[in-house]
Protein backbone atom coordinates (compact mmCIF):
# COMPACT_ATOMS: atom_id res chain seq x y z
CA UNK A 1 8.48 -2.63 -9.10
CA UNK A 2 6.41 0.34 -8.25
CA UNK A 3 5.75 2.62 -11.17
CA UNK A 4 7.80 5.50 -12.36
CA UNK A 5 9.48 6.11 -8.88
CA UNK A 6 11.14 2.87 -8.86
CA UNK A 7 12.31 3.50 -12.53
CA UNK A 8 13.88 6.85 -11.39
CA UNK A 9 15.81 5.04 -8.69
CA UNK A 10 17.01 2.40 -11.13
CA UNK A 11 18.10 5.09 -13.68
CA UNK A 12 19.93 7.06 -11.00
CA UNK A 13 22.10 3.99 -10.00
CA UNK A 14 22.53 2.85 -13.61
CA UNK A 15 23.98 6.22 -14.58
CA UNK A 16 26.36 6.23 -11.60
CA UNK A 17 27.54 2.94 -12.68
CA UNK A 18 27.98 4.00 -16.28
CA UNK A 19 29.75 7.16 -15.08
CA UNK A 20 32.37 4.96 -13.20
CA UNK A 21 31.99 1.24 -14.18
CA UNK A 22 35.43 0.51 -12.50
CA UNK A 23 34.53 1.92 -9.15
CA UNK A 24 32.54 0.37 -6.28
CA UNK A 25 29.25 -0.91 -7.84
CA UNK A 26 26.50 1.41 -7.11
CA UNK A 27 23.98 -1.06 -8.55
CA UNK A 28 23.75 -2.75 -5.14
CA UNK A 29 22.67 0.59 -3.63
CA UNK A 30 19.52 0.49 -5.93
CA UNK A 31 18.02 -2.37 -3.73
CA UNK A 32 18.87 -0.46 -0.55
CA UNK A 33 17.27 2.82 -1.73
CA UNK A 34 14.29 0.97 -3.14
CA UNK A 35 13.68 -0.79 0.06
CA UNK A 36 14.04 2.37 2.13
CA UNK A 37 11.30 4.18 -0.03
CA UNK A 38 8.93 1.21 -0.83
CA UNK A 39 9.37 -1.69 1.60
CA UNK A 40 7.16 -0.24 4.27
CA UNK A 41 4.36 0.37 1.80
CA UNK A 42 4.76 -3.19 0.27
CA UNK A 43 4.52 -4.67 3.79
CA UNK A 44 1.34 -2.65 4.50
CA UNK A 45 -0.19 -3.72 1.21
CA UNK A 46 0.44 -7.43 1.89
CA UNK A 47 -1.05 -7.18 5.37
CA UNK A 48 -4.17 -5.23 3.78
CA UNK A 49 -4.38 -8.01 1.17
CA UNK A 50 -4.29 -10.73 3.76
CA UNK A 51 -7.10 -9.08 5.55
CA UNK A 52 -9.31 -8.40 2.34
CA UNK A 53 -8.84 -12.12 1.25
CA UNK A 54 -10.74 -13.16 4.38
CA UNK A 55 -13.65 -11.10 3.82
CA UNK A 56 -16.98 -12.08 2.47
CA UNK A 57 -18.72 -10.27 -0.39
CA UNK A 58 -21.01 -8.54 2.07
CA UNK A 59 -18.00 -7.36 4.12
CA UNK A 60 -16.28 -6.04 0.98
CA UNK A 61 -19.42 -4.16 0.08
CA UNK A 62 -19.36 -2.68 3.61
CA UNK A 63 -15.72 -1.51 2.95
CA UNK A 64 -16.71 -0.23 -0.60
CA UNK A 65 -19.44 1.87 1.16
CA UNK A 66 -16.94 3.39 3.57
CA UNK A 67 -14.58 4.24 0.62
CA UNK A 68 -17.19 5.68 -1.58
CA UNK A 69 -17.39 9.15 0.02
CA UNK A 70 -16.94 11.92 -2.44
CA UNK A 71 -14.52 13.61 -0.40
CA UNK A 72 -12.33 10.46 -0.14
CA UNK A 73 -12.36 10.07 -3.88
CA UNK A 74 -11.20 13.78 -4.15
CA UNK A 75 -8.35 13.13 -1.62
CA UNK A 76 -7.34 10.01 -3.33
CA UNK A 77 -7.18 11.55 -6.77
CA UNK A 78 -4.55 14.12 -5.27
CA UNK A 79 -2.51 11.35 -3.53
CA UNK A 80 0.79 9.60 -4.55
CA UNK A 81 0.06 6.60 -6.94
CA UNK A 82 3.05 4.67 -5.57
CA UNK A 83 1.81 4.64 -1.97
CA UNK A 84 -1.75 3.14 -2.10
CA UNK A 85 -2.07 1.99 1.48
CA UNK A 86 -0.77 5.30 3.00
CA UNK A 87 -2.95 7.26 0.60
CA UNK A 88 -6.24 5.14 1.53
CA UNK A 89 -5.52 5.16 5.11
CA UNK A 90 -4.76 8.92 5.21
CA UNK A 91 -7.79 9.76 3.03
CA UNK A 92 -10.20 7.80 5.23
CA UNK A 93 -9.50 9.80 8.41
CA UNK A 94 -10.65 8.67 11.69
CA UNK A 95 -14.40 8.07 10.83
CA UNK A 96 -13.64 6.07 7.71
CA UNK A 97 -11.07 4.08 9.60
CA UNK A 98 -13.59 3.13 12.17
CA UNK A 99 -16.07 2.00 9.71
CA UNK A 100 -13.43 -0.28 7.97
CA UNK A 101 -12.25 -1.43 11.26
CA UNK A 102 -15.86 -2.38 12.27
CA UNK A 103 -16.39 -4.41 9.16
CA UNK A 104 -13.01 -6.12 9.59
CA UNK A 105 -13.55 -6.91 13.28
CA UNK A 106 -17.01 -8.24 12.55
CA UNK A 107 -15.44 -10.51 9.95
CA UNK A 108 -12.83 -11.67 12.26
CA UNK A 109 -15.17 -12.62 14.99
CA UNK A 110 -17.54 -14.53 12.52
CA UNK A 111 -14.43 -16.39 11.21
CA UNK A 112 -13.49 -17.35 14.91
CA UNK A 113 -16.93 -18.46 15.68
CA UNK A 114 -17.41 -20.68 12.63
CA UNK A 115 -13.97 -22.23 13.02
CA UNK A 116 -14.57 -23.70 16.52
């Protein structure tokens, strides 16, 4: 569940159910709404996690370096807590994304070369 926003969705559908417990169950609609709001973000976070798990400590240091710009911290402090991947990717901008992509691509190439 994702923080307060998920609780707001749940409360909305519980209140609808309590208002008309004999009617069609709105509780099933909770899952639909939750997925429409959060599923894309969750999938993005899982993809990012898969990438990060493959990186070495040096690679992670490179990404932290790309993420440590003061302007980025300021942008992130004003972003929506429930949407981490979107916030980070949006705050990085093109130059930051290119730095991170370079680190990830280098790690992937190293991984391919060591596997063969």
